């Protein structure tokens, strides 16, 4: 079985994210929305990444709002999608509601 993990760029981001936490950046209570884009079975391969981000949010006392996964391979593929996954609509509604509260 082949297992997939996060990209080097995401790993660097998460390292810097946790470094910010150690320097007293206030993460508690903030909301996080995750969009994962991949070309080869991203719904399956994104599971580990989604879990890592969710566990990180739990540890930082953040509110993980969910994830949506989109299949795309080129730089314009997402923009050219005619339909988005139902999970996208659910996250978009949460985000719009949150923006109305601020």
PDB file of N, CA and C in Angstrom:
ATOM      1  N   UNK A   1       0.842  -1.173   0.000  1.00  0.00           N
ATOM      2  CA  UNK A   1       0.000   0.000   0.000  1.00  0.00           C
ATOM      3  C   UNK A   1       0.893   1.244   0.000  1.00  0.00           C
ATOM      4  N   UNK A   2       0.550   2.184  -0.848  1.00  0.00           N
ATOM      5  CA  UNK A   2       1.287   3.439  -0.912  1.00  0.00           C
ATOM      6  C   UNK A   2       0.559   4.461  -0.045  1.00  0.00           C
ATOM      7  N   UNK A   3       1.302   5.162   0.804  1.00  0.00           N
ATOM      8  CA  UNK A   3       0.713   6.206   1.641  1.00  0.00           C
ATOM      9  C   UNK A   3       1.222   7.553   1.171  1.00  0.00           C
ATOM     10  N   UNK A   4       0.346   8.522   1.237  1.00  0.00           N
ATOM     11  CA  UNK A   4       0.701   9.857   0.798  1.00  0.00           C
ATOM     12  C   UNK A   4       0.655  10.811   1.977  1.00  0.00           C
ATOM     13  N   UNK A   5       1.554  11.749   1.974  1.00  0.00           N
ATOM     14  CA  UNK A   5       1.580  12.750   3.023  1.00  0.00           C
ATOM     15  C   UNK A   5       1.505  14.130   2.409  1.00  0.00           C
ATOM     16  N   UNK A   6       1.742  15.093   3.258  1.00  0.00           N
ATOM     17  CA  UNK A   6       1.657  16.466   2.788  1.00  0.00           C
ATOM     18  C   UNK A   6       2.882  16.846   1.972  1.00  0.00           C
ATOM     19  N   UNK A   7       2.709  17.850   1.149  1.00  0.00           N
ATOM     20  CA  UNK A   7       3.815  18.336   0.339  1.00  0.00           C
ATOM     21  C   UNK A   7       4.833  19.041   1.230  1.00  0.00           C
ATOM     22  N   UNK A   8       6.007  19.247   0.692  1.00  0.00           N
ATOM     23  CA  UNK A   8       7.035  19.980   1.427  1.00  0.00           C
ATOM     24  C   UNK A   8       6.577  21.385   1.772  1.00  0.00           C
ATOM     25  N   UNK A   9       5.853  22.022   0.853  1.00  0.00           N
ATOM     26  CA  UNK A   9       5.370  23.375   1.100  1.00  0.00           C
ATOM     27  C   UNK A   9       4.391  23.411   2.273  1.00  0.00           C
ATOM     28  N   UNK A  10       3.488  22.428   2.341  1.00  0.00           N
ATOM     29  CA  UNK A  10       2.539  22.388   3.451  1.00  0.00           C
ATOM     30  C   UNK A  10       3.255  22.084   4.758  1.00  0.00           C
ATOM     31  N   UNK A  11       4.241  21.216   4.719  1.00  0.00           N
ATOM     32  CA  UNK A  11       5.020  20.903   5.923  1.00  0.00           C
ATOM     33  C   UNK A  11       5.720  22.158   6.441  1.00  0.00           C
ATOM     34  N   UNK A  12       6.330  22.944   5.558  1.00  0.00           N
ATOM     35  CA  UNK A  12       6.980  24.197   5.967  1.00  0.00           C
ATOM     36  C   UNK A  12       5.951  25.151   6.558  1.00  0.00           C
ATOM     37  N   UNK A  13       4.784  25.265   5.902  1.00  0.00           N
ATOM     38  CA  UNK A  13       3.737  26.129   6.428  1.00  0.00           C
ATOM     39  C   UNK A  13       3.343  25.716   7.842  1.00  0.00           C
ATOM     40  N   UNK A  14       3.125  24.411   8.035  1.00  0.00           N
ATOM     41  CA  UNK A  14       2.705  23.940   9.358  1.00  0.00           C
ATOM     42  C   UNK A  14       3.806  24.152  10.396  1.00  0.00           C
ATOM     43  N   UNK A  15       5.053  23.975  10.019  1.00  0.00           N
ATOM     44  CA  UNK A  15       6.155  24.254  10.947  1.00  0.00           C
ATOM     45  C   UNK A  15       6.147  25.720  11.365  1.00  0.00           C
ATOM     46  N   UNK A  16       5.944  26.607  10.405  1.00  0.00           N
ATOM     47  CA  UNK A  16       5.911  28.046  10.717  1.00  0.00           C
ATOM     48  C   UNK A  16       4.655  28.404  11.501  1.00  0.00           C
ATOM     49  N   UNK A  17       3.570  27.719  11.212  1.00  0.00           N
ATOM     50  CA  UNK A  17       2.318  27.919  11.934  1.00  0.00           C
ATOM     51  C   UNK A  17       2.547  27.620  13.417  1.00  0.00           C
ATOM     52  N   UNK A  18       3.168  26.487  13.718  1.00  0.00           N
ATOM     53  CA  UNK A  18       3.418  26.128  15.111  1.00  0.00           C
ATOM     54  C   UNK A  18       4.482  27.017  15.742  1.00  0.00           C
ATOM     55  N   UNK A  19       5.428  27.480  14.942  1.00  0.00           N
ATOM     56  CA  UNK A  19       6.416  28.420  15.463  1.00  0.00           C
ATOM     57  C   UNK A  19       5.733  29.718  15.881  1.00  0.00           C
ATOM     58  N   UNK A  20       4.731  30.164  15.119  1.00  0.00           N
ATOM     59  CA  UNK A  20       3.967  31.356  15.489  1.00  0.00           C
ATOM     60  C   UNK A  20       3.248  31.147  16.808  1.00  0.00           C
ATOM     61  N   UNK A  21       2.756  29.935  17.016  1.00  0.00           N
ATOM     62  CA  UNK A  21       2.061  29.622  18.274  1.00  0.00           C
ATOM     63  C   UNK A  21       3.011  29.760  19.459  1.00  0.00           C
ATOM     64  N   UNK A  22       4.239  29.301  19.291  1.00  0.00           N
ATOM     65  CA  UNK A  22       5.197  29.383  20.398  1.00  0.00           C
ATOM     66  C   UNK A  22       5.617  30.815  20.680  1.00  0.00           C
ATOM     67  N   UNK A  23       5.299  31.729  19.747  1.00  0.00           N
ATOM     68  CA  UNK A  23       5.601  33.150  19.958  1.00  0.00           C
ATOM     69  C   UNK A  23       4.338  33.927  20.317  1.00  0.00           C
ATOM     70  N   UNK A  24       3.395  33.229  20.948  1.00  0.00           N
ATOM     71  CA  UNK A  24       2.181  33.834  21.504  1.00  0.00           C
ATOM     72  C   UNK A  24       1.221  34.446  20.495  1.00  0.00           C
ATOM     73  N   UNK A  25       1.218  33.960  19.260  1.00  0.00           N
ATOM     74  CA  UNK A  25       0.207  34.420  18.316  1.00  0.00           C
ATOM     75  C   UNK A  25      -1.119  33.796  18.735  1.00  0.00           C
ATOM     76  N   UNK A  26      -2.190  34.578  18.842  1.00  0.00           N
ATOM     77  CA  UNK A  26      -3.469  34.053  19.354  1.00  0.00           C
ATOM     78  C   UNK A  26      -4.265  33.260  18.306  1.00  0.00           C
ATOM     79  N   UNK A  27      -4.168  31.958  18.323  1.00  0.00           N
ATOM     80  CA  UNK A  27      -4.909  31.113  17.390  1.00  0.00           C
ATOM     81  C   UNK A  27      -6.256  30.657  17.949  1.00  0.00           C
ATOM     82  N   UNK A  28      -6.373  30.570  19.257  1.00  0.00           N
ATOM     83  CA  UNK A  28      -7.581  30.029  19.881  1.00  0.00           C
ATOM     84  C   UNK A  28      -8.821  30.764  19.383  1.00  0.00           C
ATOM     85  N   UNK A  29      -9.827  29.979  19.018  1.00  0.00           N
ATOM     86  CA  UNK A  29     -11.093  30.532  18.581  1.00  0.00           C
ATOM     87  C   UNK A  29     -11.173  30.871  17.104  1.00  0.00           C
ATOM     88  N   UNK A  30     -10.056  30.861  16.408  1.00  0.00           N
ATOM     89  CA  UNK A  30     -10.072  31.179  14.973  1.00  0.00           C
ATOM     90  C   UNK A  30     -10.614  29.991  14.187  1.00  0.00           C
ATOM     91  N   UNK A  31     -11.219  30.275  13.055  1.00  0.00           N
ATOM     92  CA  UNK A  31     -11.779  29.239  12.182  1.00  0.00           C
ATOM     93  C   UNK A  31     -10.823  28.939  11.038  1.00  0.00           C
ATOM     94  N   UNK A  32     -10.781  27.667  10.621  1.00  0.00           N
ATOM     95  CA  UNK A  32      -9.937  27.268   9.507  1.00  0.00           C
ATOM     96  C   UNK A  32     -10.777  26.484   8.505  1.00  0.00           C
ATOM     97  N   UNK A  33     -10.655  26.849   7.227  1.00  0.00           N
ATOM     98  CA  UNK A  33     -11.337  26.186   6.122  1.00  0.00           C
ATOM     99  C   UNK A  33     -10.253  25.610   5.220  1.00  0.00           C
ATOM    100  N   UNK A  34     -10.358  24.338   4.865  1.00  0.00           N
ATOM    101  CA  UNK A  34      -9.304  23.680   4.098  1.00  0.00           C
ATOM    102  C   UNK A  34      -9.793  23.305   2.705  1.00  0.00           C
ATOM    103  N   UNK A  35      -9.025  23.702   1.703  1.00  0.00           N
ATOM    104  CA  UNK A  35      -9.276  23.305   0.319  1.00  0.00           C
ATOM    105  C   UNK A  35      -8.078  22.487  -0.132  1.00  0.00           C
ATOM    106  N   UNK A  36      -8.321  21.248  -0.536  1.00  0.00           N
ATOM    107  CA  UNK A  36      -7.262  20.362  -1.010  1.00  0.00           C
ATOM    108  C   UNK A  36      -7.487  20.115  -2.499  1.00  0.00           C
ATOM    109  N   UNK A  37      -6.446  20.320  -3.285  1.00  0.00           N
ATOM    110  CA  UNK A  37      -6.525  20.115  -4.726  1.00  0.00           C
ATOM    111  C   UNK A  37      -5.500  19.068  -5.117  1.00  0.00           C
ATOM    112  N   UNK A  38      -5.922  18.068  -5.861  1.00  0.00           N
ATOM    113  CA  UNK A  38      -5.009  17.030  -6.313  1.00  0.00           C
ATOM    114  C   UNK A  38      -5.463  16.452  -7.634  1.00  0.00           C
ATOM    115  N   UNK A  39      -4.579  15.736  -8.294  1.00  0.00           N
ATOM    116  CA  UNK A  39      -4.884  15.213  -9.625  1.00  0.00           C
ATOM    117  C   UNK A  39      -5.208  13.722  -9.624  1.00  0.00           C
ATOM    118  N   UNK A  40      -4.679  12.982  -8.682  1.00  0.00           N
ATOM    119  CA  UNK A  40      -4.789  11.528  -8.713  1.00  0.00           C
ATOM    120  C   UNK A  40      -5.465  11.034  -7.434  1.00  0.00           C
ATOM    121  N   UNK A  41      -6.751  10.773  -7.500  1.00  0.00           N
ATOM    122  CA  UNK A  41      -7.534  10.285  -6.363  1.00  0.00           C
ATOM    123  C   UNK A  41      -7.362  11.168  -5.123  1.00  0.00           C
ATOM    124  N   UNK A  42      -7.569  12.480  -5.238  1.00  0.00           N
ATOM    125  CA  UNK A  42      -7.333  13.340  -4.085  1.00  0.00           C
ATOM    126  C   UNK A  42      -8.292  13.088  -2.924  1.00  0.00           C
ATOM    127  N   UNK A  43      -9.492  12.583  -3.202  1.00  0.00           N
ATOM    128  CA  UNK A  43     -10.421  12.307  -2.108  1.00  0.00           C
ATOM    129  C   UNK A  43      -9.854  11.270  -1.150  1.00  0.00           C
ATOM    130  N   UNK A  44      -9.098  10.324  -1.679  1.00  0.00           N
ATOM    131  CA  UNK A  44      -8.487   9.282  -0.853  1.00  0.00           C
ATOM    132  C   UNK A  44      -7.189   9.798  -0.229  1.00  0.00           C
ATOM    133  N   UNK A  45      -6.369  10.408  -1.047  1.00  0.00           N
ATOM    134  CA  UNK A  45      -5.035  10.816  -0.603  1.00  0.00           C
ATOM    135  C   UNK A  45      -5.050  12.027   0.322  1.00  0.00           C
ATOM    136  N   UNK A  46      -6.120  12.800   0.312  1.00  0.00           N
ATOM    137  CA  UNK A  46      -6.194  13.991   1.163  1.00  0.00           C
ATOM    138  C   UNK A  46      -6.572  13.668   2.599  1.00  0.00           C
ATOM    139  N   UNK A  47      -6.952  12.438   2.864  1.00  0.00           N
ATOM    140  CA  UNK A  47      -7.410  12.071   4.206  1.00  0.00           C
ATOM    141  C   UNK A  47      -6.356  12.360   5.273  1.00  0.00           C
ATOM    142  N   UNK A  48      -5.129  11.960   5.050  1.00  0.00           N
ATOM    143  CA  UNK A  48      -4.071  12.190   6.035  1.00  0.00           C
ATOM    144  C   UNK A  48      -3.781  13.661   6.245  1.00  0.00           C
ATOM    145  N   UNK A  49      -3.798  14.433   5.165  1.00  0.00           N
ATOM    146  CA  UNK A  49      -3.556  15.869   5.268  1.00  0.00           C
ATOM    147  C   UNK A  49      -4.686  16.521   6.054  1.00  0.00           C
ATOM    148  N   UNK A  50      -5.909  16.155   5.735  1.00  0.00           N
ATOM    149  CA  UNK A  50      -7.068  16.720   6.427  1.00  0.00           C
ATOM    150  C   UNK A  50      -7.006  16.396   7.917  1.00  0.00           C
ATOM    151  N   UNK A  51      -6.665  15.160   8.242  1.00  0.00           N
ATOM    152  CA  UNK A  51      -6.566  14.775   9.652  1.00  0.00           C
ATOM    153  C   UNK A  51      -5.459  15.543  10.367  1.00  0.00           C
ATOM    154  N   UNK A  52      -4.319  15.716   9.718  1.00  0.00           N
ATOM    155  CA  UNK A  52      -3.215  16.455  10.336  1.00  0.00           C
ATOM    156  C   UNK A  52      -3.623  17.892  10.630  1.00  0.00           C
ATOM    157  N   UNK A  53      -4.314  18.522   9.693  1.00  0.00           N
ATOM    158  CA  UNK A  53      -4.757  19.900   9.905  1.00  0.00           C
ATOM    159  C   UNK A  53      -5.823  19.948  11.001  1.00  0.00           C
ATOM    160  N   UNK A  54      -6.733  18.988  10.989  1.00  0.00           N
ATOM    161  CA  UNK A  54      -7.778  18.959  12.013  1.00  0.00           C
ATOM    162  C   UNK A  54      -7.174  18.755  13.407  1.00  0.00           C
ATOM    163  N   UNK A  55      -6.235  17.831  13.549  1.00  0.00           N
ATOM    164  CA  UNK A  55      -5.587  17.608  14.842  1.00  0.00           C
ATOM    165  C   UNK A  55      -4.815  18.852  15.287  1.00  0.00           C
ATOM    166  N   UNK A  56      -4.191  19.526  14.330  1.00  0.00           N
ATOM    167  CA  UNK A  56      -3.465  20.754  14.659  1.00  0.00           C
ATOM    168  C   UNK A  56      -4.423  21.818  15.167  1.00  0.00           C
ATOM    169  N   UNK A  57      -5.563  21.935  14.523  1.00  0.00           N
ATOM    170  CA  UNK A  57      -6.568  22.899  14.978  1.00  0.00           C
ATOM    171  C   UNK A  57      -7.058  22.556  16.381  1.00  0.00           C
ATOM    172  N   UNK A  58      -7.277  21.280  16.631  1.00  0.00           N
ATOM    173  CA  UNK A  58      -7.700  20.864  17.972  1.00  0.00           C
ATOM    174  C   UNK A  58      -6.665  21.277  19.014  1.00  0.00           C
ATOM    175  N   UNK A  59      -5.411  21.025  18.726  1.00  0.00           N
ATOM    176  CA  UNK A  59      -4.329  21.328  19.666  1.00  0.00           C
ATOM    177  C   UNK A  59      -4.204  22.833  19.896  1.00  0.00           C
ATOM    178  N   UNK A  60      -4.452  23.613  18.841  1.00  0.00           N
ATOM    179  CA  UNK A  60      -4.347  25.072  18.931  1.00  0.00           C
ATOM    180  C   UNK A  60      -5.659  25.723  19.377  1.00  0.00           C
ATOM    181  N   UNK A  61      -6.660  24.904  19.695  1.00  0.00           N
ATOM    182  CA  UNK A  61      -7.977  25.386  20.129  1.00  0.00           C
ATOM    183  C   UNK A  61      -8.640  26.251  19.060  1.00  0.00           C
ATOM    184  N   UNK A  62      -8.463  25.830  17.814  1.00  0.00           N
ATOM    185  CA  UNK A  62      -9.090  26.505  16.679  1.00  0.00           C
ATOM    186  C   UNK A  62     -10.335  25.721  16.277  1.00  0.00           C
ATOM    187  N   UNK A  63     -11.165  26.323  15.453  1.00  0.00           N
ATOM    188  CA  UNK A  63     -12.390  25.685  14.979  1.00  0.00           C
ATOM    189  C   UNK A  63     -12.188  25.219  13.537  1.00  0.00           C
ATOM    190  N   UNK A  64     -11.937  23.925  13.364  1.00  0.00           N
ATOM    191  CA  UNK A  64     -11.801  23.349  12.021  1.00  0.00           C
ATOM    192  C   UNK A  64     -13.194  23.266  11.420  1.00  0.00           C
ATOM    193  N   UNK A  65     -13.424  24.011  10.335  1.00  0.00           N
ATOM    194  CA  UNK A  65     -14.750  24.102   9.740  1.00  0.00           C
ATOM    195  C   UNK A  65     -15.019  23.013   8.718  1.00  0.00           C
ATOM    196  N   UNK A  66     -13.974  22.316   8.286  1.00  0.00           N
ATOM    197  CA  UNK A  66     -14.145  21.240   7.321  1.00  0.00           C
ATOM    198  C   UNK A  66     -13.211  21.406   6.139  1.00  0.00           C
ATOM    199  N   UNK A  67     -13.306  20.441   5.241  1.00  0.00           N
ATOM    200  CA  UNK A  67     -12.434  20.437   4.069  1.00  0.00           C
ATOM    201  C   UNK A  67     -13.255  20.109   2.838  1.00  0.00           C
ATOM    202  N   UNK A  68     -12.791  20.602   1.729  1.00  0.00           N
ATOM    203  CA  UNK A  68     -13.353  20.197   0.452  1.00  0.00           C
ATOM    204  C   UNK A  68     -12.191  19.785  -0.441  1.00  0.00           C
ATOM    205  N   UNK A  69     -12.414  18.777  -1.255  1.00  0.00           N
ATOM    206  CA  UNK A  69     -11.372  18.223  -2.108  1.00  0.00           C
ATOM    207  C   UNK A  69     -11.811  18.365  -3.559  1.00  0.00           C
ATOM    208  N   UNK A  70     -10.918  18.883  -4.378  1.00  0.00           N
ATOM    209  CA  UNK A  70     -11.198  19.108  -5.792  1.00  0.00           C
ATOM    210  C   UNK A  70     -10.137  18.393  -6.621  1.00  0.00           C
ATOM    211  N   UNK A  71     -10.573  17.769  -7.700  1.00  0.00           N
ATOM    212  CA  UNK A  71      -9.638  17.126  -8.619  1.00  0.00           C
ATOM    213  C   UNK A  71      -9.235  18.132  -9.694  1.00  0.00           C
ATOM    214  N   UNK A  72      -7.947  18.385  -9.784  1.00  0.00           N
ATOM    215  CA  UNK A  72      -7.415  19.311 -10.785  1.00  0.00           C
ATOM    216  C   UNK A  72      -5.957  18.973 -11.019  1.00  0.00           C
ATOM    217  N   UNK A  73      -5.480  19.281 -12.232  1.00  0.00           N
ATOM    218  CA  UNK A  73      -4.103  18.950 -12.577  1.00  0.00           C
ATOM    219  C   UNK A  73      -3.323  20.153 -13.101  1.00  0.00           C
ATOM    220  N   UNK A  74      -4.009  21.137 -13.629  1.00  0.00           N
ATOM    221  CA  UNK A  74      -3.332  22.293 -14.216  1.00  0.00           C
ATOM    222  C   UNK A  74      -3.649  23.572 -13.467  1.00  0.00           C
ATOM    223  N   UNK A  75      -2.935  24.634 -13.788  1.00  0.00           N
ATOM    224  CA  UNK A  75      -3.098  25.888 -13.054  1.00  0.00           C
ATOM    225  C   UNK A  75      -4.477  26.531 -13.190  1.00  0.00           C
ATOM    226  N   UNK A  76      -5.206  26.243 -14.260  1.00  0.00           N
ATOM    227  CA  UNK A  76      -6.527  26.843 -14.448  1.00  0.00           C
ATOM    228  C   UNK A  76      -7.674  25.858 -14.240  1.00  0.00           C
ATOM    229  N   UNK A  77      -7.362  24.636 -13.846  1.00  0.00           N
ATOM    230  CA  UNK A  77      -8.394  23.605 -13.747  1.00  0.00           C
ATOM    231  C   UNK A  77      -9.499  23.956 -12.749  1.00  0.00           C
ATOM    232  N   UNK A  78      -9.144  24.475 -11.596  1.00  0.00           N
ATOM    233  CA  UNK A  78     -10.158  24.784 -10.589  1.00  0.00           C
ATOM    234  C   UNK A  78     -11.059  25.907 -11.092  1.00  0.00           C
ATOM    235  N   UNK A  79     -10.472  26.927 -11.673  1.00  0.00           N
ATOM    236  CA  UNK A  79     -11.253  28.053 -12.191  1.00  0.00           C
ATOM    237  C   UNK A  79     -12.221  27.594 -13.281  1.00  0.00           C
ATOM    238  N   UNK A  80     -11.864  26.583 -14.028  1.00  0.00           N
ATOM    239  CA  UNK A  80     -12.681  26.133 -15.155  1.00  0.00           C
ATOM    240  C   UNK A  80     -13.726  25.072 -14.772  1.00  0.00           C
ATOM    241  N   UNK A  81     -13.745  24.653 -13.520  1.00  0.00           N
ATOM    242  CA  UNK A  81     -14.734  23.662 -13.105  1.00  0.00           C
ATOM    243  C   UNK A  81     -16.140  24.231 -13.265  1.00  0.00           C
ATOM    244  N   UNK A  82     -17.041  23.437 -13.823  1.00  0.00           N
ATOM    245  CA  UNK A  82     -18.426  23.888 -13.985  1.00  0.00           C
ATOM    246  C   UNK A  82     -19.262  23.566 -12.764  1.00  0.00           C
ATOM    247  N   UNK A  83     -18.854  22.550 -12.010  1.00  0.00           N
ATOM    248  CA  UNK A  83     -19.529  22.233 -10.752  1.00  0.00           C
ATOM    249  C   UNK A  83     -18.469  21.971  -9.691  1.00  0.00           C
ATOM    250  N   UNK A  84     -18.802  22.330  -8.479  1.00  0.00           N
ATOM    251  CA  UNK A  84     -17.906  22.093  -7.354  1.00  0.00           C
ATOM    252  C   UNK A  84     -18.545  21.063  -6.431  1.00  0.00           C
ATOM    253  N   UNK A  85     -17.733  20.369  -5.630  1.00  0.00           N
ATOM    254  CA  UNK A  85     -18.287  19.358  -4.731  1.00  0.00           C
ATOM    255  C   UNK A  85     -19.273  19.969  -3.732  1.00  0.00           C
ATOM    256  N   UNK A  86     -20.199  19.168  -3.263  1.00  0.00           N
ATOM    257  CA  UNK A  86     -21.168  19.635  -2.260  1.00  0.00           C
ATOM    258  C   UNK A  86     -20.465  20.145  -1.004  1.00  0.00           C
ATOM    259  N   UNK A  87     -19.329  19.547  -0.678  1.00  0.00           N
ATOM    260  CA  UNK A  87     -18.590  19.994   0.509  1.00  0.00           C
ATOM    261  C   UNK A  87     -18.116  21.438   0.345  1.00  0.00           C
ATOM    262  N   UNK A  88     -17.874  21.856  -0.897  1.00  0.00           N
ATOM    263  CA  UNK A  88     -17.481  23.249  -1.150  1.00  0.00           C
ATOM    264  C   UNK A  88     -18.625  24.197  -0.801  1.00  0.00           C
ATOM    265  N   UNK A  89     -19.827  23.867  -1.236  1.00  0.00           N
ATOM    266  CA  UNK A  89     -20.982  24.713  -0.947  1.00  0.00           C
ATOM    267  C   UNK A  89     -21.202  24.831   0.560  1.00  0.00           C
ATOM    268  N   UNK A  90     -21.029  23.731   1.271  1.00  0.00           N
ATOM    269  CA  UNK A  90     -21.200  23.763   2.726  1.00  0.00           C
ATOM    270  C   UNK A  90     -20.145  24.657   3.386  1.00  0.00           C
ATOM    271  N   UNK A  91     -18.888  24.545   2.956  1.00  0.00           N
ATOM    272  CA  UNK A  91     -17.837  25.393   3.521  1.00  0.00           C
ATOM    273  C   UNK A  91     -18.048  26.856   3.144  1.00  0.00           C
ATOM    274  N   UNK A  92     -18.465  27.108   1.912  1.00  0.00           N
ATOM    275  CA  UNK A  92     -18.710  28.478   1.471  1.00  0.00           C
ATOM    276  C   UNK A  92     -19.815  29.114   2.306  1.00  0.00           C
ATOM    277  N   UNK A  93     -20.864  28.361   2.603  1.00  0.00           N
ATOM    278  CA  UNK A  93     -21.953  28.887   3.435  1.00  0.00           C
ATOM    279  C   UNK A  93     -21.465  29.213   4.843  1.00  0.00           C
ATOM    280  N   UNK A  94     -20.632  28.340   5.415  1.00  0.00           N
ATOM    281  CA  UNK A  94     -20.068  28.614   6.748  1.00  0.00           C
ATOM    282  C   UNK A  94     -19.205  29.868   6.726  1.00  0.00           C
ATOM    283  N   UNK A  95     -18.391  30.000   5.690  1.00  0.00           N
ATOM    284  CA  UNK A  95     -17.515  31.149   5.590  1.00  0.00           C
ATOM    285  C   UNK A  95     -18.323  32.440   5.416  1.00  0.00           C
ATOM    286  N   UNK A  96     -19.320  32.408   4.562  1.00  0.00           N
ATOM    287  CA  UNK A  96     -20.156  33.604   4.360  1.00  0.00           C
ATOM    288  C   UNK A  96     -20.881  33.995   5.649  1.00  0.00           C
ATOM    289  N   UNK A  97     -21.369  33.007   6.384  1.00  0.00           N
ATOM    290  CA  UNK A  97     -22.029  33.286   7.659  1.00  0.00           C
ATOM    291  C   UNK A  97     -21.048  33.897   8.653  1.00  0.00           C
ATOM    292  N   UNK A  98     -19.847  33.366   8.679  1.00  0.00           N
ATOM    293  CA  UNK A  98     -18.813  33.888   9.593  1.00  0.00           C
ATOM    294  C   UNK A  98     -18.449  35.321   9.229  1.00  0.00           C
ATOM    295  N   UNK A  99     -18.370  35.616   7.940  1.00  0.00           N
ATOM    296  CA  UNK A  99     -18.029  36.972   7.500  1.00  0.00           C
ATOM    297  C   UNK A  99     -19.127  37.965   7.863  1.00  0.00           C
ATOM    298  N   UNK A 100     -20.364  37.522   7.841  1.00  0.00           N
ATOM    299  CA  UNK A 100     -21.470  38.409   8.230  1.00  0.00           C
ATOM    300  C   UNK A 100     -21.413  38.743   9.721  1.00  0.00           C
ATOM    301  N   UNK A 101     -20.830  37.853  10.519  1.00  0.00           N
ATOM    302  CA  UNK A 101     -20.734  38.082  11.960  1.00  0.00           C
ATOM    303  C   UNK A 101     -19.637  39.070  12.332  1.00  0.00           C
ATOM    304  N   UNK A 102     -18.669  39.276  11.422  1.00  0.00           N
ATOM    305  CA  UNK A 102     -17.556  40.167  11.755  1.00  0.00           C
ATOM    306  C   UNK A 102     -17.798  41.572  11.293  1.00  0.00           C
TER     307      UNK A 102
END
